[in-house]
Each structure stands twice: as C-alpha cells, then as structure tokens.
C-alpha atoms as a PDB file:
ATOM      1  CA  MET A   1      -9.824 -22.284-107.862  1.00  0.00           C
ATOM      2  CA  SER A   2     -10.394 -25.805-109.135  1.00  0.00           C
ATOM      3  CA  PHE A   3     -11.315 -27.546-112.358  1.00  0.00           C
ATOM      4  CA  LYS A   4     -13.253 -30.652-113.315  1.00  0.00           C
ATOM      5  CA  LEU A   5     -11.397 -33.884-114.029  1.00  0.00           C
ATOM      6  CA  PHE A   6     -12.848 -36.336-116.522  1.00  0.00           C
ATOM      7  CA  SER A   7     -11.867 -39.977-116.052  1.00  0.00           C
ATOM      8  CA  ASP A   8     -13.007 -41.215-119.479  1.00  0.00           C
ATOM      9  CA  LEU A   9     -15.037 -40.287-122.572  1.00  0.00           C
ATOM     10  CA  SER A  10     -18.320 -41.824-121.408  1.00  0.00           C
ATOM     11  CA  LYS A  11     -20.102 -38.454-121.119  1.00  0.00           C
ATOM     12  CA  PRO A  12     -19.487 -36.751-124.483  1.00  0.00           C
ATOM     13  CA  ASP A  13     -22.184 -34.104-124.076  1.00  0.00           C
ATOM     14  CA  GLU A  14     -20.834 -33.074-120.677  1.00  0.00           C
ATOM     15  CA  ILE A  15     -17.286 -32.949-122.053  1.00  0.00           C
ATOM     16  CA  LYS A  16     -18.356 -30.696-124.905  1.00  0.00           C
ATOM     17  CA  ARG A  17     -20.361 -28.381-122.624  1.00  0.00           C
ATOM     18  CA  SER A  18     -17.461 -28.047-120.217  1.00  0.00           C
ATOM     19  CA  PHE A  19     -15.003 -27.383-123.040  1.00  0.00           C
ATOM     20  CA  ASP A  20     -17.295 -24.741-124.543  1.00  0.00           C
ATOM     21  CA  GLU A  21     -17.795 -23.041-121.164  1.00  0.00           C
ATOM     22  CA  HIS A  22     -14.247 -23.064-119.813  1.00  0.00           C
ATOM     23  CA  GLY A  23     -12.138 -23.304-122.965  1.00  0.00           C
ATOM     24  CA  PHE A  24     -10.412 -26.479-121.809  1.00  0.00           C
ATOM     25  CA  ALA A  25     -11.098 -29.998-120.527  1.00  0.00           C
ATOM     26  CA  VAL A  26      -8.810 -32.146-118.373  1.00  0.00           C
ATOM     27  CA  PHE A  27      -8.683 -35.945-118.502  1.00  0.00           C
ATOM     28  CA  GLU A  28      -6.809 -37.965-115.893  1.00  0.00           C
ATOM     29  CA  ASN A  29      -5.030 -41.214-116.797  1.00  0.00           C
ATOM     30  CA  PHE A  30      -5.604 -40.642-120.510  1.00  0.00           C
ATOM     31  CA  TYR A  31      -2.183 -42.186-121.126  1.00  0.00           C
ATOM     32  CA  ALA A  32      -0.660 -44.936-118.995  1.00  0.00           C
ATOM     33  CA  ALA A  33       2.567 -44.324-117.099  1.00  0.00           C
ATOM     34  CA  GLU A  34       4.304 -46.832-119.382  1.00  0.00           C
ATOM     35  CA  GLU A  35       3.252 -44.841-122.462  1.00  0.00           C
ATOM     36  CA  CYS A  36       4.599 -41.612-120.954  1.00  0.00           C
ATOM     37  CA  GLU A  37       7.888 -43.150-119.865  1.00  0.00           C
ATOM     38  CA  GLY A  38       8.225 -44.780-123.273  1.00  0.00           C
ATOM     39  CA  LEU A  39       7.882 -41.422-125.010  1.00  0.00           C
ATOM     40  CA  ILE A  40      10.525 -39.880-122.743  1.00  0.00           C
ATOM     41  CA  GLU A  41      12.918 -42.725-123.480  1.00  0.00           C
ATOM     42  CA  ARG A  42      12.250 -42.369-127.193  1.00  0.00           C
ATOM     43  CA  MET A  43      13.175 -38.691-126.991  1.00  0.00           C
ATOM     44  CA  ARG A  44      16.402 -39.616-125.201  1.00  0.00           C
ATOM     45  CA  TYR A  45      17.131 -41.985-128.075  1.00  0.00           C
ATOM     46  CA  LEU A  46      16.423 -39.306-130.680  1.00  0.00           C
ATOM     47  CA  VAL A  47      18.719 -36.799-128.984  1.00  0.00           C
ATOM     48  CA  GLU A  48      21.420 -39.440-128.757  1.00  0.00           C
ATOM     49  CA  THR A  49      21.158 -40.652-132.362  1.00  0.00           C
ATOM     50  CA  GLU A  50      19.904 -37.715-134.447  1.00  0.00           C
ATOM     51  CA  ASP A  51      22.170 -35.025-135.878  1.00  0.00           C
ATOM     52  CA  THR A  52      22.225 -32.296-133.246  1.00  0.00           C
ATOM     53  CA  THR A  53      24.971 -30.182-134.769  1.00  0.00           C
ATOM     54  CA  ASN A  54      22.444 -27.655-136.085  1.00  0.00           C
ATOM     55  CA  LEU A  55      20.594 -26.708-132.927  1.00  0.00           C
ATOM     56  CA  GLY A  56      18.050 -23.925-132.891  1.00  0.00           C
ATOM     57  CA  THR A  57      17.138 -21.705-129.965  1.00  0.00           C
ATOM     58  CA  PHE A  58      13.668 -21.079-128.619  1.00  0.00           C
ATOM     59  CA  PHE A  59      12.810 -17.393-128.347  1.00  0.00           C
ATOM     60  CA  THR A  60       9.610 -15.967-126.919  1.00  0.00           C
ATOM     61  CA  ILE A  61       7.337 -13.817-129.056  1.00  0.00           C
ATOM     62  CA  TYR A  62       8.754 -10.789-127.232  1.00  0.00           C
ATOM     63  CA  ASP A  63      12.359 -11.501-128.263  1.00  0.00           C
ATOM     64  CA  ASP A  64      13.660  -9.731-131.377  1.00  0.00           C
ATOM     65  CA  GLU A  65      15.368 -12.954-132.486  1.00  0.00           C
ATOM     66  CA  HIS A  66      11.997 -14.691-132.735  1.00  0.00           C
ATOM     67  CA  HIS A  67      11.310 -13.088-136.108  1.00  0.00           C
ATOM     68  CA  ASP A  68      14.591 -14.266-137.666  1.00  0.00           C
ATOM     69  CA  ASN A  69      14.413 -17.839-136.424  1.00  0.00           C
ATOM     70  CA  THR A  70      14.925 -19.567-139.765  1.00  0.00           C
ATOM     71  CA  LEU A  71      15.214 -23.033-138.234  1.00  0.00           C
ATOM     72  CA  LEU A  72      11.766 -22.552-136.723  1.00  0.00           C
ATOM     73  CA  LEU A  73      10.318 -21.656-140.126  1.00  0.00           C
ATOM     74  CA  ASP A  74      11.937 -24.764-141.624  1.00  0.00           C
ATOM     75  CA  SER A  75      10.730 -27.201-138.972  1.00  0.00           C
ATOM     76  CA  GLY A  76       7.205 -28.023-140.137  1.00  0.00           C
ATOM     77  CA  ASP A  77       8.131 -31.315-141.771  1.00  0.00           C
ATOM     78  CA  LYS A  78      11.199 -32.208-139.703  1.00  0.00           C
ATOM     79  CA  ILE A  79      12.401 -33.173-136.253  1.00  0.00           C
ATOM     80  CA  SER A  80      14.221 -30.038-135.107  1.00  0.00           C
ATOM     81  CA  PHE A  81      15.904 -29.349-131.769  1.00  0.00           C
ATOM     82  CA  PHE A  82      15.545 -26.009-129.963  1.00  0.00           C
ATOM     83  CA  LEU A  83      17.635 -25.047-126.948  1.00  0.00           C
ATOM     84  CA  GLU A  84      16.716 -22.820-124.045  1.00  0.00           C
ATOM     85  CA  LYS A  85      18.099 -19.357-124.783  1.00  0.00           C
ATOM     86  CA  THR A  86      20.141 -19.575-121.565  1.00  0.00           C
ATOM     87  CA  ALA A  87      22.152 -22.590-122.800  1.00  0.00           C
ATOM     88  CA  THR A  88      25.908 -22.045-123.156  1.00  0.00           C
ATOM     89  CA  ALA A  89      28.457 -23.854-125.316  1.00  0.00           C
ATOM     90  CA  GLU A  90      29.743 -25.616-122.213  1.00  0.00           C
ATOM     91  CA  ASP A  91      26.219 -26.723-121.293  1.00  0.00           C
ATOM     92  CA  ILE A  92      25.748 -28.529-124.614  1.00  0.00           C
ATOM     93  CA  SER A  93      29.188 -30.067-125.022  1.00  0.00           C
ATOM     94  CA  THR A  94      27.719 -33.562-124.486  1.00  0.00           C
ATOM     95  CA  LYS A  95      24.539 -35.311-125.613  1.00  0.00           C
ATOM     96  CA  GLN A  96      23.304 -35.417-122.014  1.00  0.00           C
ATOM     97  CA  GLY A  97      23.988 -31.704-121.723  1.00  0.00           C
ATOM     98  CA  ILE A  98      22.005 -31.091-124.890  1.00  0.00           C
ATOM     99  CA  PHE A  99      19.077 -33.087-123.525  1.00  0.00           C
ATOM    100  CA  GLU A 100      19.046 -31.174-120.260  1.00  0.00           C
ATOM    101  CA  ASN A 101      19.171 -27.788-121.997  1.00  0.00           C
ATOM    102  CA  LEU A 102      16.588 -28.317-124.732  1.00  0.00           C
ATOM    103  CA  ASN A 103      13.418 -26.261-124.690  1.00  0.00           C
ATOM    104  CA  LYS A 104      11.525 -28.353-127.218  1.00  0.00           C
ATOM    105  CA  VAL A 105      11.750 -30.706-130.195  1.00  0.00           C
ATOM    106  CA  GLY A 106       9.272 -30.350-133.078  1.00  0.00           C
ATOM    107  CA  HIS A 107       7.300 -30.107-135.226  1.00  0.00           C
ATOM    108  CA  ALA A 108       6.650 -33.315-137.211  1.00  0.00           C
ATOM    109  CA  LEU A 109       7.474 -35.957-134.600  1.00  0.00           C
ATOM    110  CA  HIS A 110       4.021 -37.468-135.038  1.00  0.00           C
ATOM    111  CA  ASP A 111       4.521 -38.107-138.752  1.00  0.00           C
ATOM    112  CA  ILE A 112       8.206 -39.078-138.832  1.00  0.00           C
ATOM    113  CA  ASP A 113       8.913 -41.169-135.744  1.00  0.00           C
ATOM    114  CA  PRO A 114       6.895 -44.404-135.257  1.00  0.00           C
ATOM    115  CA  VAL A 115       6.766 -44.178-131.451  1.00  0.00           C
ATOM    116  CA  PHE A 116       5.448 -40.606-131.540  1.00  0.00           C
ATOM    117  CA  ASP A 117       3.093 -41.582-134.365  1.00  0.00           C
ATOM    118  CA  LYS A 118       1.469 -44.296-132.242  1.00  0.00           C
ATOM    119  CA  PHE A 119       1.256 -42.028-129.192  1.00  0.00           C
ATOM    120  CA  SER A 120      -0.323 -39.217-131.233  1.00  0.00           C
ATOM    121  CA  ARG A 121      -2.876 -41.407-132.975  1.00  0.00           C
ATOM    122  CA  LYS A 122      -4.312 -43.107-129.923  1.00  0.00           C
ATOM    123  CA  PRO A 123      -7.895 -44.186-130.805  1.00  0.00           C
ATOM    124  CA  GLU A 124      -9.295 -42.454-127.724  1.00  0.00           C
ATOM    125  CA  LEU A 125      -7.764 -39.177-128.882  1.00  0.00           C
ATOM    126  CA  GLU A 126      -9.455 -39.506-132.267  1.00  0.00           C
ATOM    127  CA  ARG A 127     -12.750 -40.046-130.459  1.00  0.00           C
ATOM    128  CA  LEU A 128     -12.175 -36.986-128.258  1.00  0.00           C
ATOM    129  CA  VAL A 129     -11.428 -34.825-131.293  1.00  0.00           C
ATOM    130  CA  GLY A 130     -14.804 -35.845-132.711  1.00  0.00           C
ATOM    131  CA  ILE A 131     -16.564 -35.066-129.423  1.00  0.00           C
ATOM    132  CA  LEU A 132     -15.051 -31.578-129.491  1.00  0.00           C
ATOM    133  CA  GLY A 133     -16.526 -30.966-132.929  1.00  0.00           C
ATOM    134  CA  ASN A 134     -13.845 -31.639-135.561  1.00  0.00           C
ATOM    135  CA  PRO A 135     -15.193 -33.969-138.274  1.00  0.00           C
ATOM    136  CA  ASN A 136     -12.068 -33.899-140.456  1.00  0.00           C
ATOM    137  CA  PRO A 137      -8.984 -33.705-138.221  1.00  0.00           C
ATOM    138  CA  LEU A 138      -5.476 -33.079-139.520  1.00  0.00           C
ATOM    139  CA  LEU A 139      -2.537 -33.419-137.140  1.00  0.00           C
ATOM    140  CA  LEU A 140      -0.638 -30.213-137.827  1.00  0.00           C
ATOM    141  CA  GLN A 141       2.131 -29.922-135.254  1.00  0.00           C
ATOM    142  CA  SER A 142       3.750 -31.859-132.425  1.00  0.00           C
ATOM    143  CA  MET A 143       6.261 -30.839-129.766  1.00  0.00           C
ATOM    144  CA  PHE A 144       8.142 -32.580-126.992  1.00  0.00           C
ATOM    145  CA  ILE A 145       8.478 -29.831-124.354  1.00  0.00           C
ATOM    146  CA  PHE A 146      11.220 -30.211-121.759  1.00  0.00           C
ATOM    147  CA  LYS A 147      11.058 -27.772-118.789  1.00  0.00           C
ATOM    148  CA  SER A 148      14.143 -29.390-117.283  1.00  0.00           C
ATOM    149  CA  ALA A 149      14.849 -28.860-113.588  1.00  0.00           C
ATOM    150  CA  LYS A 150      16.115 -25.332-112.826  1.00  0.00           C
ATOM    151  CA  VAL A 151      16.454 -24.749-116.611  1.00  0.00           C
ATOM    152  CA  GLY A 152      13.014 -24.686-118.222  1.00  0.00           C
ATOM    153  CA  GLY A 153      12.043 -21.111-118.963  1.00  0.00           C
ATOM    154  CA  GLU A 154       8.796 -19.171-118.901  1.00  0.00           C
ATOM    155  CA  VAL A 155       6.255 -19.532-121.693  1.00  0.00           C
ATOM    156  CA  VAL A 156       4.574 -16.152-122.082  1.00  0.00           C
ATOM    157  CA  PRO A 157       0.778 -15.843-122.421  1.00  0.00           C
ATOM    158  CA  HIS A 158      -0.379 -16.676-125.940  1.00  0.00           C
ATOM    159  CA  GLN A 159      -3.182 -18.238-127.975  1.00  0.00           C
ATOM    160  CA  ASP A 160      -2.559 -21.242-130.209  1.00  0.00           C
ATOM    161  CA  GLY A 161      -4.970 -19.868-132.784  1.00  0.00           C
ATOM    162  CA  ALA A 162      -2.447 -17.120-133.465  1.00  0.00           C
ATOM    163  CA  PHE A 163       0.138 -19.676-134.592  1.00  0.00           C
ATOM    164  CA  GLN A 164      -2.038 -22.462-136.014  1.00  0.00           C
ATOM    165  CA  TYR A 165      -4.451 -20.210-137.845  1.00  0.00           C
ATOM    166  CA  THR A 166      -7.204 -21.427-140.156  1.00  0.00           C
ATOM    167  CA  GLU A 167     -10.216 -19.750-141.732  1.00  0.00           C
ATOM    168  CA  PRO A 168     -12.510 -20.218-139.917  1.00  0.00           C
ATOM    169  CA  GLU A 169     -10.508 -20.849-136.744  1.00  0.00           C
ATOM    170  CA  SER A 170     -10.361 -24.531-135.855  1.00  0.00           C
ATOM    171  CA  VAL A 171      -7.205 -25.478-133.952  1.00  0.00           C
ATOM    172  CA  ILE A 172      -7.455 -27.453-130.715  1.00  0.00           C
ATOM    173  CA  GLY A 173      -4.383 -28.027-128.566  1.00  0.00           C
ATOM    174  CA  PHE A 174      -3.730 -31.281-126.724  1.00  0.00           C
ATOM    175  CA  TRP A 175      -1.146 -31.265-123.921  1.00  0.00           C
ATOM    176  CA  VAL A 176      -0.015 -34.452-122.221  1.00  0.00           C
ATOM    177  CA  ALA A 177       1.745 -34.438-118.850  1.00  0.00           C
ATOM    178  CA  LEU A 178       4.558 -36.937-119.335  1.00  0.00           C
ATOM    179  CA  GLN A 179       5.483 -36.227-115.707  1.00  0.00           C
ATOM    180  CA  ASP A 180       3.569 -34.690-112.805  1.00  0.00           C
ATOM    181  CA  ALA A 181       3.073 -30.960-113.399  1.00  0.00           C
ATOM    182  CA  ASN A 182       2.657 -28.428-110.598  1.00  0.00           C
ATOM    183  CA  LEU A 183       3.270 -24.760-109.871  1.00  0.00           C
ATOM    184  CA  SER A 184       6.886 -25.236-108.818  1.00  0.00           C
ATOM    185  CA  ASN A 185       7.968 -27.090-111.964  1.00  0.00           C
ATOM    186  CA  GLY A 186       5.954 -25.012-114.421  1.00  0.00           C
ATOM    187  CA  CYS A 187       2.461 -26.429-114.974  1.00  0.00           C
ATOM    188  CA  LEU A 188       0.145 -24.826-117.493  1.00  0.00           C
ATOM    189  CA  LEU A 189      -1.566 -21.596-116.452  1.00  0.00           C
ATOM    190  CA  VAL A 190      -4.837 -20.587-118.114  1.00  0.00           C
ATOM    191  CA  LYS A 191      -7.616 -18.028-117.912  1.00  0.00           C
ATOM    192  CA  ASP A 192     -10.830 -19.919-117.257  1.00  0.00           C
ATOM    193  CA  GLY A 193     -13.272 -18.879-119.992  1.00  0.00           C
ATOM    194  CA  GLY A 194     -10.653 -16.713-121.667  1.00  0.00           C
ATOM    195  CA  HIS A 195     -11.395 -18.293-125.044  1.00  0.00           C
ATOM    196  CA  LYS A 196     -14.529 -16.162-125.210  1.00  0.00           C
ATOM    197  CA  GLY A 197     -12.325 -13.125-125.821  1.00  0.00           C
ATOM    198  CA  PRO A 198     -10.841 -12.142-129.191  1.00  0.00           C
ATOM    199  CA  LEU A 199      -7.908 -13.610-131.074  1.00  0.00           C
ATOM    200  CA  ARG A 200      -5.165 -11.023-130.517  1.00  0.00           C
ATOM    201  CA  HIS A 201      -2.611 -11.864-133.228  1.00  0.00           C
ATOM    202  CA  ARG A 202      -1.880 -13.985-136.267  1.00  0.00           C
ATOM    203  CA  TYR A 203       1.676 -15.132-136.967  1.00  0.00           C
ATOM    204  CA  PHE A 204       2.754 -15.842-140.536  1.00  0.00           C
ATOM    205  CA  GLU A 205       5.810 -16.073-142.787  1.00  0.00           C
ATOM    206  CA  LYS A 206       6.904 -13.216-145.034  1.00  0.00           C
ATOM    207  CA  ASP A 207      10.264 -12.978-146.813  1.00  0.00           C
ATOM    208  CA  SER A 208      11.667 -15.815-144.680  1.00  0.00           C
ATOM    209  CA  LYS A 209      10.767 -14.026-141.449  1.00  0.00           C
ATOM    210  CA  LEU A 210       8.118 -14.693-138.831  1.00  0.00           C
ATOM    211  CA  GLU A 211       5.759 -11.723-138.870  1.00  0.00           C
ATOM    212  CA  SER A 212       2.694 -10.911-136.794  1.00  0.00           C
ATOM    213  CA  GLU A 213      -0.527  -9.097-137.497  1.00  0.00           C
ATOM    214  CA  LEU A 214      -2.346  -7.368-134.653  1.00  0.00           C
ATOM    215  CA  LEU A 215      -5.995  -8.381-134.781  1.00  0.00           C
ATOM    216  CA  ASP A 216      -7.225  -6.978-131.469  1.00  0.00           C
ATOM    217  CA  GLU A 217      -5.560  -4.739-128.863  1.00  0.00           C
ATOM    218  CA  THR A 218      -7.335  -6.316-125.898  1.00  0.00           C
ATOM    219  CA  PRO A 219      -4.606  -7.179-123.365  1.00  0.00           C
ATOM    220  CA  PHE A 220      -4.221 -10.735-122.174  1.00  0.00           C
ATOM    221  CA  PRO A 221      -5.994 -11.441-118.880  1.00  0.00           C
ATOM    222  CA  GLU A 222      -4.141 -12.747-115.851  1.00  0.00           C
ATOM    223  CA  LEU A 223      -3.564 -16.486-116.166  1.00  0.00           C
ATOM    224  CA  SER A 224      -5.102 -17.157-112.772  1.00  0.00           C
ATOM    225  CA  LEU A 225      -5.817 -20.897-112.935  1.00  0.00           C
ATOM    226  CA  PRO A 226      -2.925 -23.373-112.583  1.00  0.00           C
ATOM    227  CA  LEU A 227      -3.663 -26.772-114.128  1.00  0.00           C
ATOM    228  CA  GLU A 228      -1.747 -29.005-111.748  1.00  0.00           C
ATOM    229  CA  VAL A 229      -2.063 -32.547-113.095  1.00  0.00           C
ATOM    230  CA  LYS A 230      -0.562 -36.000-112.689  1.00  0.00           C
ATOM    231  CA  GLN A 231       1.468 -37.986-115.193  1.00  0.00           C
ATOM    232  CA  GLY A 232      -0.692 -39.285-118.044  1.00  0.00           C
ATOM    233  CA  SER A 233      -3.236 -36.456-117.857  1.00  0.00           C
ATOM    234  CA  LEU A 234      -4.432 -34.855-121.083  1.00  0.00           C
ATOM    235  CA  ILE A 235      -5.517 -31.229-121.355  1.00  0.00           C
ATOM    236  CA  ALA A 236      -7.518 -30.190-124.410  1.00  0.00           C
ATOM    237  CA  PHE A 237      -7.755 -26.453-124.967  1.00  0.00           C
ATOM    238  CA  HIS A 238      -9.509 -24.088-127.342  1.00  0.00           C
ATOM    239  CA  GLY A 239      -7.411 -22.200-129.887  1.00  0.00           C
ATOM    240  CA  ARG A 240      -8.326 -18.849-128.324  1.00  0.00           C
ATOM    241  CA  LEU A 241      -7.651 -19.855-124.711  1.00  0.00           C
ATOM    242  CA  PRO A 242      -4.886 -17.657-123.236  1.00  0.00           C
ATOM    243  CA  HIS A 243      -2.309 -19.892-121.597  1.00  0.00           C
ATOM    244  CA  GLY A 244       1.350 -20.058-120.643  1.00  0.00           C
ATOM    245  CA  SER A 245       3.600 -21.380-117.882  1.00  0.00           C
ATOM    246  CA  CYS A 246       6.152 -20.182-115.366  1.00  0.00           C
ATOM    247  CA  ALA A 247       9.799 -21.137-115.301  1.00  0.00           C
ATOM    248  CA  ASN A 248      10.744 -24.405-113.625  1.00  0.00           C
ATOM    249  CA  ILE A 249      12.282 -23.430-110.295  1.00  0.00           C
ATOM    250  CA  SER A 250      12.197 -26.945-108.856  1.00  0.00           C
ATOM    251  CA  ASP A 251      14.586 -29.895-108.804  1.00  0.00           C
ATOM    252  CA  LYS A 252      12.191 -31.980-110.917  1.00  0.00           C
ATOM    253  CA  SER A 253      11.725 -31.866-114.687  1.00  0.00           C
ATOM    254  CA  ARG A 254       8.304 -31.328-116.277  1.00  0.00           C
ATOM    255  CA  TYR A 255       8.322 -33.111-119.608  1.00  0.00           C
ATOM    256  CA  ALA A 256       5.196 -32.743-121.716  1.00  0.00           C
ATOM    257  CA  TYR A 257       3.972 -33.524-125.218  1.00  0.00           C
ATOM    258  CA  ALA A 258       1.809 -31.108-127.212  1.00  0.00           C
ATOM    259  CA  LEU A 259      -0.181 -31.822-130.351  1.00  0.00           C
ATOM    260  CA  HIS A 260      -2.208 -29.341-132.408  1.00  0.00           C
ATOM    261  CA  ILE A 261      -5.035 -30.477-134.641  1.00  0.00           C
ATOM    262  CA  ILE A 262      -6.933 -28.436-137.222  1.00  0.00           C
ATOM    263  CA  ASN A 263     -10.062 -29.091-139.306  1.00  0.00           C
ATOM    264  CA  GLY A 264      -9.138 -30.156-142.819  1.00  0.00           C
ATOM    265  CA  ASP A 265     -12.332 -28.558-144.126  1.00  0.00           C
ATOM    266  CA  CYS A 266     -10.996 -25.132-143.130  1.00  0.00           C
ATOM    267  CA  HIS A 267      -8.574 -23.002-145.169  1.00  0.00           C
ATOM    268  CA  TYR A 268      -4.931 -23.141-144.069  1.00  0.00           C
ATOM    269  CA  PRO A 269      -3.363 -19.966-145.510  1.00  0.00           C
ATOM    270  CA  GLU A 270      -0.366 -20.276-147.839  1.00  0.00           C
ATOM    271  CA  ASP A 271       1.606 -17.781-145.760  1.00  0.00           C
ATOM    272  CA  SER A 272       1.302 -19.882-142.590  1.00  0.00           C
ATOM    273  CA  TRP A 273       4.674 -20.050-140.868  1.00  0.00           C
ATOM    274  CA  LEU A 274       4.442 -23.806-140.317  1.00  0.00           C
ATOM    275  CA  LYS A 275       4.804 -25.394-143.742  1.00  0.00           C
ATOM    276  CA  ARG A 276       4.892 -28.934-145.095  1.00  0.00           C
ATOM    277  CA  SER A 277       6.635 -30.195-148.210  1.00  0.00           C
ATOM    278  CA  ASP A 278       4.687 -32.261-150.730  1.00  0.00           C
ATOM    279  CA  LYS A 279       6.658 -35.299-149.542  1.00  0.00           C
ATOM    280  CA  LEU A 280       5.041 -35.131-146.101  1.00  0.00           C
ATOM    281  CA  PRO A 281       1.452 -33.901-146.437  1.00  0.00           C
ATOM    282  CA  LEU A 282      -0.752 -33.386-143.431  1.00  0.00           C
ATOM    283  CA  ARG A 283      -2.843 -36.378-142.458  1.00  0.00           C
ATOM    284  CA  GLY A 284      -5.360 -37.365-139.830  1.00  0.00           C
ATOM    285  CA  PHE A 285      -5.674 -40.420-137.644  1.00  0.00           C
END
C-alpha cells in the first residue's frame, strides 16, 4: 500500500479532501534538516541541564501503572521526562544514559522552551491548520518522542481524540520525523480511513488518577499502513485515526516531535487529564 506525498501547501482543496478521505496527510520536506537537527540538539541540552532527578516512566494504556502516573497528570504545563519502562537504575546512571533510555519529554515544550516554541509555531504550520478547518487553534500538547535504537518500545493502537478530547471533537495531531522513519526503527502505523469509525474511549482525571470511559466497543482495526517517511516530513492526522508504532528493533534511533492542536471555540472539559495552570494558559500561533 502507498500514500500520497504533498510537497507544499499550494493545493489546499486537494489537501483537505485527502485528509478527509484518509484521515491523514503527509508532507515531505516540511522542515529542513537543519531545523530537525537543531531540535534534537536542543533536547540533548535540556536533558543535560534540566533537573532529571524526578523521572517519570511511560506506561501504555494497558499497563495498570498508567492510571496512577501522577507525574503524567502534572505535566501539562511543564517539561517532564518519561523513561522507557525497561530502563534500569544502571541504564540511567549518567545523563547520556538517561537520554538513550527516555521514551518522551512533554508536554509544554512549545510554550516553555524558545527553540521548541519557534519550531512549533512555523508559519506554514499555522496555514496548514487553517486548511484543515481549525479557525481558532490552540496548541495543547507537545512531545519529543525518542524511539532510541534497540530501546524504543511499542506504542499500542490508540486515537488522539481519546486523550485530547473536546466537545465537539477537534484535535488534530502533527508528527514530525526528526530522523528517517521506517518499519525497522518504528515508523507510524495507521489504518487508512480508520477515522471514519467511532471514538472508542475518553481519558480523564478523577481523584488524581487517569480514568477512562468506554464510548464504543468496536475493536481497533489492524494498523495495516506503515508511514515510512524521510527526515523533515510532517504527518497530520485526524483525532479519530487509529495509529501506533512497533518497537525499534534497529541500530538507528527514530526521534520525532508531536504536537496536538485543538479548536479554541470548542469546550475543553474541566476533568481533562492534561491541565494548565493560570500562569501558562493555552495559546495559538
């Protein structure tokens, strides 16, 4: 199976039709190699200089520990570090070891760090958000995702609308390949057109725990389409599109950057798990 590659934003109607039909759109060379390498180096700097004594762990939605992940619930307006659940004390005894065993860093990079801020508020991205139908964008969440060589774990099938829920639904995910992504190092896997199915869950906070509400029992379809892309590619995907990724079994890392944007005209429930303090309100471009 294959997918269409857009080289620019010169055909907005075609972009929107393709996004509506498939649930995603892929843009090659959306970011220059220098921009991608600069973001990776900035993350190395943050790991080296930020306080990493209070490291969280990334658990999948099928792990019991996922519900009690208090650092996750407290990360909406911070830069928080989450290890792979396979990391040992010996693995993270040095800053380099920490870097190589991180799963992700989030979730307010785009509003706290100036380098991530500039990367996230690229004028072409603002234009694309408008093409996809969001007239009042708010940048809700950002993540640097590691997938280090031989370390990066599986991301189970999920829908972003379950985690970044608004009424009505409005979230769009943007995923940037900071390095080449392929099947061996854990590229994104999607179900073409799968966004036309129902939203299965909604995740929210209750009594300092991450809870979920079952909305529809329809099982996830097989994620049969690998989105193998080159460095600098941008993938935009619908909030209901089932997606995930395999573990990185290769000798090459697969760093990526993900940004989730909602419509500020929609209701963002008070019990949403991702919260902001009044000192760092959500903002757009």
